[in-house]
Amino acid sequence: MREFVTDLLSRQGDDVPVFSHEHTVTHGALRASVAAEASLFAASGVGEGSTVALHVPPSFTQLEVVLALWSLGARVVSIDHRLKPAEVDVLRELTRPQFVVRATGRPGAAFRERHELVTEPKPDGRPAATRHRLVQFTSGSTGRPKVVGRSTESIIREVMRFGAAEGMPGRGERLLLLNSTAHSFGLMGGLLHALATGVHLVFAGQPTAEDVLRTAARHEVDFITGLPFHFALLAAAAHPSALRTARGAFAGGELMPPDVAERFAAAYGFAVGECFGTTETGALTVDVAGTTRPAVGKPLSDTTIRVRDGLVEVALDQSPYLDEGDPTRYLDGWFRTGDRGEFDADGNLRLLGRADSLVVVRGSNVDLTQVEAALRAHPLVTEAIAVHDTVIEAYVATSSAALTPDEVAAWCAERLAEFKQPQRVHVLPALPRTAGGKLVRNPRALADAR
């Protein structure tokens, strides 16, 4: 990993911009900052094979620290800054890092360029026993997070896949990155792709339509990536002049609802594409232009995907899990993603929802994604989740105090067969999300949010 990071940092000239928010960082300044951070970490005892938990909000500081730790050969354990102390303790217990690097104070929701850091040695920590240099965690949307390890080789292959994908942002282009750099796509398709190709990353201060649009206009961005909910916000704002310089956009992190894609395209005059992947595998398909929807594009180079028993599987050399993992997810060289899918006549992968979205109600199969689509079609509903325990239960978010559960139930009764209709409806100001920004689909967690 040392050699890879050194190579990435040396590819662009000193004056070429790499990060912008209120201020701009050049590649020359980035190299100097990474070297300075690496010296401080080395003085604290961090070196080849050290394990370091990074608990820092997305920022210039966080990006520089990741590169500095990798330049020393350390294993970075990426922990989302929004997690509560009890959640962080669980992840530390699972991974036993030798050091914890955290931001001081109480980080808010806003993007800040700089944070003061504290490095805490952990006497009970353990050095890396494998070549994995990045550790991340599954989203935990349906259960306890699993520990996912990425080797240097798998990271390099993913960066190369992004670079070879048609239509990806290239040298000199400005990419407004709304995805968290603590997570897989933001780190690989954001930071590392930018360093590899000379892309200029731009960051918005707040995850609001107003701030995103203001940032895009100010920096005259060429491209935008984010989660589906970012594009839902932008579609609702409908301010096309702010994105007049943008040539494209695509979403990653979770499946893009077709209605959100349609509303965004109608508002801004260009389609939003899609990147499909998992924490365990990295990016698997990228349809930058959004021309294959409802499919998500062809498998990326150096990627082998098959559909077996209706489920999408990916060929991997070894299990992606560093803990006991789940033996039902990785078997005989194939990782089962948990997504249902099929290939169309052109070889594009079409996703049909999560395997756990297909439930049986009174002997009939019900795809909960169909129920969610009907819920989202209501003009006052901004988000929707359908879950099934003993009955189908709907949770919807709305910005209108006038929407009632009875009105939502009546809406569904007009659009869904009786056995598909939610038996209980809950109307909330907002739906709970995981630390990674995905909607929570755990019935108990949703019940706690009521």
Protein backbone atom coordinates (compact mmCIF):
# COMPACT_ATOMS: atom_id res chain seq x y z
CA MET A 1 0.00 0.00 0.00
CA ARG A 2 2.95 2.30 0.65
CA GLU A 3 4.03 2.15 -2.98
CA PHE A 4 0.51 2.63 -4.33
CA VAL A 5 -0.14 5.76 -2.23
CA THR A 6 3.28 7.19 -3.08
CA ASP A 7 2.51 6.69 -6.77
CA LEU A 8 -0.95 8.30 -6.52
CA LEU A 9 0.41 11.33 -4.68
CA SER A 10 3.10 11.91 -7.31
CA ARG A 11 0.93 11.81 -10.45
CA GLN A 12 -0.08 15.49 -10.64
CA GLY A 13 1.85 18.76 -10.58
CA ASP A 14 2.20 20.89 -7.45
CA ASP A 15 -0.27 23.55 -8.62
CA VAL A 16 -3.05 21.18 -9.74
CA PRO A 17 -6.10 21.52 -7.43
CA VAL A 18 -7.36 18.38 -5.71
CA PHE A 19 -9.87 19.45 -2.98
CA SER A 20 -12.15 22.48 -2.71
CA HIS A 21 -14.66 23.70 -0.16
CA GLU A 22 -14.23 27.26 1.11
CA HIS A 23 -10.56 26.93 0.23
CA THR A 24 -8.67 24.86 -2.35
CA VAL A 25 -5.88 22.36 -1.68
CA THR A 26 -3.38 21.62 -4.45
CA HIS A 27 -1.55 18.35 -4.99
CA GLY A 28 1.65 19.99 -3.76
CA ALA A 29 -0.01 21.09 -0.52
CA LEU A 30 -1.60 17.65 -0.14
CA ARG A 31 1.77 15.93 -0.43
CA ALA A 32 3.20 18.23 2.25
CA SER A 33 0.25 17.66 4.61
CA VAL A 34 0.36 13.87 4.18
CA ALA A 35 4.10 13.83 4.88
CA ALA A 36 3.64 15.95 8.01
CA GLU A 37 0.81 13.75 9.32
CA ALA A 38 2.84 10.61 8.59
CA SER A 39 5.77 11.97 10.63
CA LEU A 40 3.50 12.61 13.60
CA PHE A 41 1.96 9.15 13.43
CA ALA A 42 5.36 7.51 13.07
CA ALA A 43 6.52 9.35 16.19
CA SER A 44 3.53 7.84 18.01
CA GLY A 45 4.62 4.34 17.00
CA VAL A 46 2.47 3.76 13.91
CA GLY A 47 4.24 1.72 11.25
CA GLU A 48 3.95 -1.23 8.90
CA GLY A 49 1.09 -3.48 9.99
CA SER A 50 -0.19 -1.17 12.73
CA THR A 51 -3.96 -1.09 13.12
CA VAL A 52 -5.53 2.35 13.44
CA ALA A 53 -9.22 3.13 13.92
CA LEU A 54 -10.07 6.41 12.20
CA HIS A 55 -13.06 8.17 13.76
CA VAL A 56 -12.95 11.54 12.01
CA PRO A 57 -15.71 13.37 10.09
CA PRO A 58 -15.37 13.74 6.31
CA SER A 59 -12.94 16.63 5.85
CA PHE A 60 -9.63 17.53 4.27
CA THR A 61 -8.08 16.31 7.53
CA GLN A 62 -9.72 12.89 7.26
CA LEU A 63 -8.56 12.38 3.68
CA GLU A 64 -4.99 13.41 4.51
CA VAL A 65 -4.89 11.11 7.53
CA VAL A 66 -6.05 8.08 5.51
CA LEU A 67 -3.25 8.68 3.01
CA ALA A 68 -0.69 9.30 5.74
CA LEU A 69 -1.54 6.06 7.55
CA TRP A 70 -1.42 4.08 4.32
CA SER A 71 1.92 5.66 3.44
CA LEU A 72 3.25 4.10 6.66
CA GLY A 73 1.81 0.68 5.79
CA ALA A 74 -0.86 0.82 8.49
CA ARG A 75 -4.28 -0.81 8.38
CA VAL A 76 -7.04 1.82 8.49
CA VAL A 77 -10.23 0.84 10.33
CA SER A 78 -12.82 3.31 9.04
CA ILE A 79 -15.48 4.25 11.62
CA ASP A 80 -18.30 6.60 10.74
CA HIS A 81 -18.13 9.75 12.86
CA ARG A 82 -21.91 9.75 13.39
CA LEU A 83 -21.91 6.54 15.42
CA LYS A 84 -22.70 6.75 19.10
CA PRO A 85 -20.05 5.74 21.69
CA ALA A 86 -21.73 2.39 22.35
CA GLU A 87 -21.70 1.62 18.61
CA VAL A 88 -18.05 2.61 18.35
CA ASP A 89 -17.20 0.33 21.27
CA VAL A 90 -18.76 -2.61 19.42
CA LEU A 91 -16.63 -1.95 16.33
CA ARG A 92 -13.48 -1.53 18.40
CA GLU A 93 -14.16 -4.81 20.16
CA LEU A 94 -14.60 -6.52 16.80
CA THR A 95 -11.33 -5.17 15.36
CA ARG A 96 -9.03 -4.44 18.37
CA PRO A 97 -7.08 -1.50 16.85
CA GLN A 98 -3.74 -0.48 18.38
CA PHE A 99 -4.54 3.21 17.97
CA VAL A 100 -7.69 5.32 17.75
CA VAL A 101 -7.51 8.64 15.91
CA ARG A 102 -10.49 10.86 16.61
CA ALA A 103 -11.54 14.46 16.19
CA THR A 104 -11.77 16.64 19.27
CA GLY A 105 -14.98 18.42 20.22
CA ARG A 106 -18.43 17.56 18.96
CA PRO A 107 -18.45 17.39 15.15
CA GLY A 108 -21.69 18.63 13.62
CA ALA A 109 -23.40 17.72 10.38
CA ALA A 110 -21.60 20.41 8.38
CA PHE A 111 -18.49 19.63 6.32
CA ARG A 112 -15.43 21.24 7.89
CA GLU A 113 -12.09 21.43 6.16
CA ARG A 114 -10.00 20.90 9.29
CA HIS A 115 -10.30 19.08 12.60
CA GLU A 116 -7.97 18.88 15.57
CA LEU A 117 -7.03 15.25 16.23
CA VAL A 118 -6.18 13.06 19.21
CA THR A 119 -4.27 9.80 18.79
CA GLU A 120 -4.95 7.29 21.56
CA PRO A 121 -2.83 4.12 21.90
CA LYS A 122 -4.77 1.04 22.95
CA PRO A 123 -2.67 -1.44 25.00
CA ASP A 124 -4.99 -4.33 24.15
CA GLY A 125 -4.81 -3.64 20.39
CA ARG A 126 -3.47 -6.15 17.90
CA PRO A 127 -1.35 -5.63 14.78
CA ALA A 128 -2.65 -6.70 11.39
CA ALA A 129 -2.26 -10.43 10.81
CA THR A 130 -3.21 -10.22 7.12
CA ARG A 131 -2.50 -7.97 4.12
CA HIS A 132 -5.80 -6.14 4.43
CA ARG A 133 -5.10 -2.41 4.66
CA LEU A 134 -8.67 -1.15 4.85
CA VAL A 135 -11.35 -2.36 7.23
CA GLN A 136 -14.96 -1.27 6.84
CA PHE A 137 -18.26 -2.49 8.17
CA THR A 138 -21.51 -3.55 6.59
CA SER A 139 -24.23 -0.97 6.96
CA GLY A 140 -26.00 -2.78 9.75
CA SER A 141 -29.39 -1.97 8.19
CA THR A 142 -30.72 -5.42 9.00
CA GLY A 143 -28.48 -6.66 11.81
CA ARG A 144 -25.07 -6.60 13.50
CA PRO A 145 -22.32 -5.13 11.30
CA LYS A 146 -19.80 -7.54 9.78
CA VAL A 147 -16.09 -6.75 9.51
CA VAL A 148 -14.99 -6.40 5.89
CA GLY A 149 -11.32 -6.37 4.87
CA ARG A 150 -9.89 -4.96 1.63
CA SER A 151 -6.38 -5.90 0.54
CA THR A 152 -4.05 -3.57 -1.32
CA GLU A 153 -4.60 -5.64 -4.46
CA SER A 154 -8.41 -5.38 -4.27
CA ILE A 155 -8.22 -1.62 -3.69
CA ILE A 156 -5.93 -1.13 -6.69
CA ARG A 157 -8.20 -3.24 -8.90
CA GLU A 158 -11.24 -1.20 -7.92
CA VAL A 159 -9.49 2.11 -8.64
CA MET A 160 -8.50 0.74 -12.05
CA ARG A 161 -12.11 -0.35 -12.69
CA PHE A 162 -13.36 3.15 -11.98
CA GLY A 163 -10.71 4.65 -14.23
CA ALA A 164 -11.65 2.36 -17.12
CA ALA A 165 -15.43 2.93 -16.82
CA GLU A 166 -16.88 4.92 -19.71
CA GLY A 167 -17.95 8.44 -18.81
CA MET A 168 -16.30 8.68 -15.39
CA PRO A 169 -15.03 12.14 -14.38
CA GLY A 170 -11.52 12.68 -15.75
CA ARG A 171 -8.49 14.89 -15.47
CA GLY A 172 -9.30 18.52 -14.70
CA GLU A 173 -13.02 17.92 -14.16
CA ARG A 174 -14.70 19.07 -10.95
CA LEU A 175 -16.61 16.34 -9.10
CA LEU A 176 -19.06 17.39 -6.39
CA LEU A 177 -18.78 14.40 -4.04
CA LEU A 178 -21.81 14.04 -1.74
CA ASN A 179 -20.98 10.46 -0.67
CA SER A 180 -19.21 10.06 2.67
CA THR A 181 -15.47 9.48 2.32
CA ALA A 182 -15.68 7.20 5.36
CA HIS A 183 -17.49 4.65 3.18
CA SER A 184 -16.53 2.49 0.26
CA PHE A 185 -17.69 4.51 -2.74
CA GLY A 186 -16.61 7.90 -1.40
CA LEU A 187 -13.16 6.58 -0.65
CA MET A 188 -12.57 4.57 -3.85
CA GLY A 189 -14.65 6.38 -6.47
CA GLY A 190 -14.00 9.71 -4.79
CA LEU A 191 -10.57 10.15 -3.20
CA LEU A 192 -8.53 7.43 -4.91
CA HIS A 193 -10.09 7.89 -8.35
CA ALA A 194 -9.42 11.63 -8.07
CA LEU A 195 -5.76 11.07 -7.21
CA ALA A 196 -5.34 8.47 -9.96
CA THR A 197 -6.86 10.59 -12.73
CA GLY A 198 -6.44 14.23 -11.70
CA VAL A 199 -10.08 14.89 -10.81
CA HIS A 200 -10.78 17.96 -8.65
CA LEU A 201 -13.05 17.04 -5.70
CA VAL A 202 -15.57 19.59 -4.42
CA PHE A 203 -17.42 19.30 -1.10
CA ALA A 204 -20.70 20.92 -0.01
CA GLY A 205 -21.03 22.24 3.52
CA GLN A 206 -24.48 20.87 4.34
CA PRO A 207 -26.51 17.95 2.87
CA THR A 208 -29.30 20.29 1.83
CA ALA A 209 -30.51 21.11 -1.67
CA GLU A 210 -29.79 24.81 -1.13
CA ASP A 211 -26.17 24.27 -0.10
CA VAL A 212 -25.47 21.59 -2.71
CA LEU A 213 -26.83 23.79 -5.49
CA ARG A 214 -24.95 26.84 -4.22
CA THR A 215 -21.71 24.84 -4.10
CA ALA A 216 -22.27 23.40 -7.58
CA ALA A 217 -22.85 26.84 -9.07
CA ARG A 218 -19.93 28.46 -7.27
CA HIS A 219 -17.42 25.84 -8.39
CA GLU A 220 -19.01 25.22 -11.79
CA VAL A 221 -18.90 21.48 -11.26
CA ASP A 222 -18.81 18.99 -14.12
CA PHE A 223 -20.23 16.02 -12.26
CA ILE A 224 -22.13 15.03 -9.10
CA THR A 225 -22.21 11.77 -7.17
CA GLY A 226 -24.32 11.05 -4.11
CA LEU A 227 -26.95 8.84 -2.53
CA PRO A 228 -30.46 8.62 -3.99
CA PHE A 229 -31.81 10.89 -1.27
CA HIS A 230 -29.44 13.66 -2.43
CA PHE A 231 -30.98 13.50 -5.89
CA ALA A 232 -34.48 13.44 -4.41
CA LEU A 233 -33.65 16.70 -2.61
CA LEU A 234 -32.28 18.26 -5.80
CA ALA A 235 -35.28 17.12 -7.82
CA ALA A 236 -37.64 18.75 -5.33
CA ALA A 237 -35.64 21.99 -5.45
CA ALA A 238 -35.65 22.09 -9.28
CA HIS A 239 -33.06 24.84 -9.85
CA PRO A 240 -31.49 23.85 -13.20
CA SER A 241 -29.33 26.96 -13.64
CA ALA A 242 -27.24 25.90 -10.62
CA LEU A 243 -26.18 22.76 -12.51
CA ARG A 244 -25.73 24.44 -15.88
CA THR A 245 -22.09 23.29 -16.11
CA ALA A 246 -22.74 19.68 -15.05
CA ARG A 247 -22.48 17.04 -17.77
CA GLY A 248 -23.67 14.17 -15.62
CA ALA A 249 -24.37 12.56 -12.27
CA PHE A 250 -24.75 9.13 -10.78
CA ALA A 251 -25.85 7.60 -7.51
CA GLY A 252 -24.19 4.93 -5.42
CA GLY A 253 -24.82 3.38 -2.02
CA GLU A 254 -28.32 2.03 -2.61
CA LEU A 255 -30.65 1.32 -5.50
CA MET A 256 -32.00 4.47 -7.17
CA PRO A 257 -35.83 4.59 -7.13
CA PRO A 258 -36.95 5.08 -10.76
CA ASP A 259 -39.32 7.89 -9.80
CA VAL A 260 -36.45 9.87 -8.25
CA ALA A 261 -34.37 9.43 -11.41
CA GLU A 262 -37.29 10.57 -13.54
CA ARG A 263 -37.96 13.66 -11.43
CA PHE A 264 -34.27 14.63 -11.43
CA ALA A 265 -34.00 14.27 -15.22
CA ALA A 266 -37.17 16.32 -15.71
CA ALA A 267 -35.86 19.06 -13.43
CA TYR A 268 -32.30 19.32 -14.78
CA GLY A 269 -32.39 18.00 -18.32
CA PHE A 270 -29.92 15.15 -17.95
CA ALA A 271 -30.15 11.63 -16.55
CA VAL A 272 -28.68 10.46 -13.28
CA GLY A 273 -26.70 7.23 -13.67
CA GLU A 274 -25.98 4.53 -11.17
CA CYS A 275 -23.14 2.62 -9.54
CA PHE A 276 -23.89 -0.78 -8.02
CA GLY A 277 -21.56 -2.44 -5.56
CA THR A 278 -21.22 -3.65 -1.99
CA THR A 279 -18.92 -2.92 0.92
CA GLU A 280 -17.58 -6.47 0.55
CA THR A 281 -16.75 -6.24 -3.17
CA GLY A 282 -16.46 -2.57 -4.08
CA ALA A 283 -18.00 -1.26 -7.30
CA LEU A 284 -19.37 -3.94 -9.64
CA THR A 285 -21.24 -2.00 -12.35
CA VAL A 286 -21.32 1.67 -13.34
CA ASP A 287 -23.80 3.14 -15.79
CA VAL A 288 -22.60 6.72 -15.73
CA ALA A 289 -25.07 8.01 -18.32
CA GLY A 290 -28.12 6.22 -16.88
CA THR A 291 -29.02 4.83 -20.31
CA THR A 292 -29.58 1.22 -19.21
CA ARG A 293 -32.15 1.90 -16.47
CA PRO A 294 -33.98 -0.08 -15.11
CA ALA A 295 -30.67 -1.99 -15.35
CA VAL A 296 -27.48 -0.74 -13.62
CA GLY A 297 -25.05 -1.46 -16.46
CA LYS A 298 -22.62 -4.19 -17.46
CA PRO A 299 -20.08 -5.70 -15.05
CA LEU A 300 -16.94 -3.59 -14.77
CA SER A 301 -13.61 -4.87 -16.03
CA ASP A 302 -11.90 -7.46 -13.84
CA THR A 303 -15.28 -8.37 -12.34
CA THR A 304 -17.18 -11.66 -12.73
CA ILE A 305 -20.87 -11.62 -11.84
CA ARG A 306 -23.46 -14.36 -12.19
CA VAL A 307 -27.10 -14.78 -11.24
CA ARG A 308 -27.84 -18.08 -9.56
CA ASP A 309 -31.21 -19.02 -8.09
CA GLY A 310 -32.26 -15.45 -8.80
CA LEU A 311 -29.50 -13.95 -6.63
CA VAL A 312 -26.52 -11.86 -7.76
CA GLU A 313 -23.18 -13.48 -6.95
CA VAL A 314 -19.63 -12.18 -7.40
CA ALA A 315 -16.44 -14.20 -7.83
CA LEU A 316 -13.92 -13.43 -5.06
CA ASP A 317 -10.56 -15.05 -4.33
CA GLN A 318 -11.30 -15.19 -0.62
CA SER A 319 -14.00 -14.34 1.89
CA PRO A 320 -14.31 -10.57 2.38
CA TYR A 321 -14.97 -11.01 6.10
CA LEU A 322 -12.30 -10.73 8.77
CA ASP A 323 -14.59 -11.97 11.53
CA GLU A 324 -16.61 -15.17 11.37
CA GLY A 325 -18.76 -13.55 8.69
CA ASP A 326 -21.70 -15.48 7.29
CA PRO A 327 -21.02 -18.87 5.69
CA THR A 328 -24.17 -18.52 3.62
CA ARG A 329 -22.76 -15.38 1.93
CA TYR A 330 -19.40 -16.75 0.72
CA LEU A 331 -19.05 -20.29 -0.58
CA ASP A 332 -16.75 -21.96 -3.12
CA GLY A 333 -15.27 -18.69 -4.38
CA TRP A 334 -18.60 -16.88 -4.81
CA PHE A 335 -19.97 -14.04 -2.69
CA ARG A 336 -23.76 -13.84 -2.55
CA THR A 337 -24.71 -10.16 -2.47
CA GLY A 338 -28.24 -10.62 -1.15
CA ASP A 339 -29.63 -8.74 -4.17
CA ARG A 340 -32.08 -10.35 -6.56
CA GLY A 341 -31.31 -9.73 -10.20
CA GLU A 342 -31.19 -10.80 -13.83
CA PHE A 343 -29.24 -9.97 -16.99
CA ASP A 344 -31.06 -8.38 -19.90
CA ALA A 345 -30.48 -9.25 -23.57
CA ASP A 346 -27.64 -6.69 -23.79
CA GLY A 347 -25.74 -8.10 -20.81
CA ASN A 348 -26.77 -5.34 -18.40
CA LEU A 349 -27.52 -6.32 -14.83
CA ARG A 350 -30.99 -5.50 -13.61
CA LEU A 351 -31.59 -5.49 -9.86
CA LEU A 352 -34.96 -6.69 -8.59
CA GLY A 353 -34.63 -5.70 -4.95
CA ARG A 354 -33.09 -7.28 -1.90
CA ALA A 355 -33.70 -10.96 -1.31
CA ASP A 356 -35.24 -10.05 2.02
CA SER A 357 -37.77 -7.79 0.25
CA LEU A 358 -39.65 -10.84 -1.05
CA VAL A 359 -42.10 -12.09 1.58
CA VAL A 360 -45.03 -14.48 1.68
CA VAL A 361 -48.42 -13.13 2.76
CA ARG A 362 -51.20 -15.68 3.14
CA GLY A 363 -49.52 -17.96 0.63
CA SER A 364 -48.80 -15.26 -1.98
CA ASN A 365 -45.43 -13.71 -2.77
CA VAL A 366 -45.21 -9.97 -2.14
CA ASP A 367 -42.24 -7.83 -3.20
CA LEU A 368 -41.98 -5.09 -0.59
CA THR A 369 -40.25 -2.82 -3.10
CA GLN A 370 -43.54 -2.74 -5.03
CA VAL A 371 -45.33 -1.63 -1.88
CA GLU A 372 -42.69 1.05 -1.32
CA ALA A 373 -43.10 2.31 -4.89
CA ALA A 374 -46.84 2.73 -4.33
CA LEU A 375 -46.20 4.59 -1.09
CA ARG A 376 -43.63 6.93 -2.67
CA ALA A 377 -46.08 7.79 -5.44
CA HIS A 378 -48.23 9.70 -2.93
CA PRO A 379 -47.59 13.42 -3.53
CA LEU A 380 -46.96 14.13 0.18
CA VAL A 381 -44.65 11.15 0.82
CA THR A 382 -40.91 11.84 0.56
CA GLU A 383 -39.58 8.44 1.67
CA ALA A 384 -41.07 5.05 2.37
CA ILE A 385 -40.09 1.70 3.86
CA ALA A 386 -42.21 -1.45 3.98
CA VAL A 387 -41.29 -4.27 6.36
CA HIS A 388 -42.87 -7.58 7.21
CA ASP A 389 -42.99 -9.41 10.49
CA THR A 390 -46.38 -10.99 10.91
CA VAL A 391 -48.02 -8.37 8.68
CA ILE A 392 -46.86 -5.73 6.19
CA GLU A 393 -46.08 -2.49 7.97
CA ALA A 394 -45.40 0.84 6.24
CA TYR A 395 -43.29 3.76 7.45
CA VAL A 396 -43.49 6.97 5.44
CA ALA A 397 -41.81 10.35 5.81
CA THR A 398 -43.57 13.57 4.92
CA SER A 399 -43.00 17.29 5.21
CA SER A 400 -46.75 17.86 5.59
CA ALA A 401 -48.48 17.68 8.96
CA ALA A 402 -51.74 17.07 7.09
CA LEU A 403 -50.89 13.53 5.96
CA THR A 404 -52.50 10.85 8.13
CA PRO A 405 -52.04 7.07 8.33
CA ASP A 406 -55.64 6.59 7.18
CA GLU A 407 -54.98 8.67 4.05
CA VAL A 408 -51.90 6.59 3.23
CA ALA A 409 -53.84 3.36 3.78
CA ALA A 410 -56.61 4.58 1.47
CA TRP A 411 -54.02 5.48 -1.17
CA CYS A 412 -52.59 1.96 -1.04
CA ALA A 413 -56.04 0.38 -1.16
CA GLU A 414 -56.59 2.00 -4.56
CA ARG A 415 -53.26 0.80 -5.97
CA LEU A 416 -52.36 -2.53 -4.41
CA ALA A 417 -54.07 -5.90 -4.21
CA GLU A 418 -55.61 -6.51 -0.81
CA PHE A 419 -52.92 -8.96 0.32
CA LYS A 420 -50.18 -6.42 -0.58
CA GLN A 421 -51.63 -3.55 1.41
CA PRO A 422 -49.90 -2.45 4.65
CA GLN A 423 -51.87 -3.43 7.71
CA ARG A 424 -50.23 -0.73 9.77
CA VAL A 425 -49.04 2.71 8.60
CA HIS A 426 -46.79 5.11 10.50
CA VAL A 427 -46.25 8.70 9.37
CA LEU A 428 -42.99 10.32 10.52
CA PRO A 429 -41.16 13.59 9.77
CA ALA A 430 -38.14 11.55 8.63
CA LEU A 431 -37.17 7.89 8.44
CA PRO A 432 -34.18 6.55 10.38
CA ARG A 433 -30.99 5.86 8.46
CA THR A 434 -27.87 3.85 9.15
CA ALA A 435 -24.57 5.64 9.71
CA GLY A 436 -23.89 5.02 6.02
CA GLY A 437 -26.98 6.95 4.99
CA LYS A 438 -29.11 3.96 3.99
CA LEU A 439 -32.70 3.64 5.12
CA VAL A 440 -33.08 1.28 8.07
CA ARG A 441 -35.10 -1.83 7.23
CA ASN A 442 -35.00 -3.49 10.61
CA PRO A 443 -38.60 -3.69 12.01
CA ARG A 444 -37.46 -3.23 15.62
CA ALA A 445 -35.29 -0.21 14.80
CA LEU A 446 -38.14 1.34 12.85
CA ALA A 447 -40.53 0.72 15.74
CA ASP A 448 -38.09 2.52 18.07
CA ALA A 449 -38.18 5.55 15.77
CA ARG A 450 -41.93 6.03 16.13
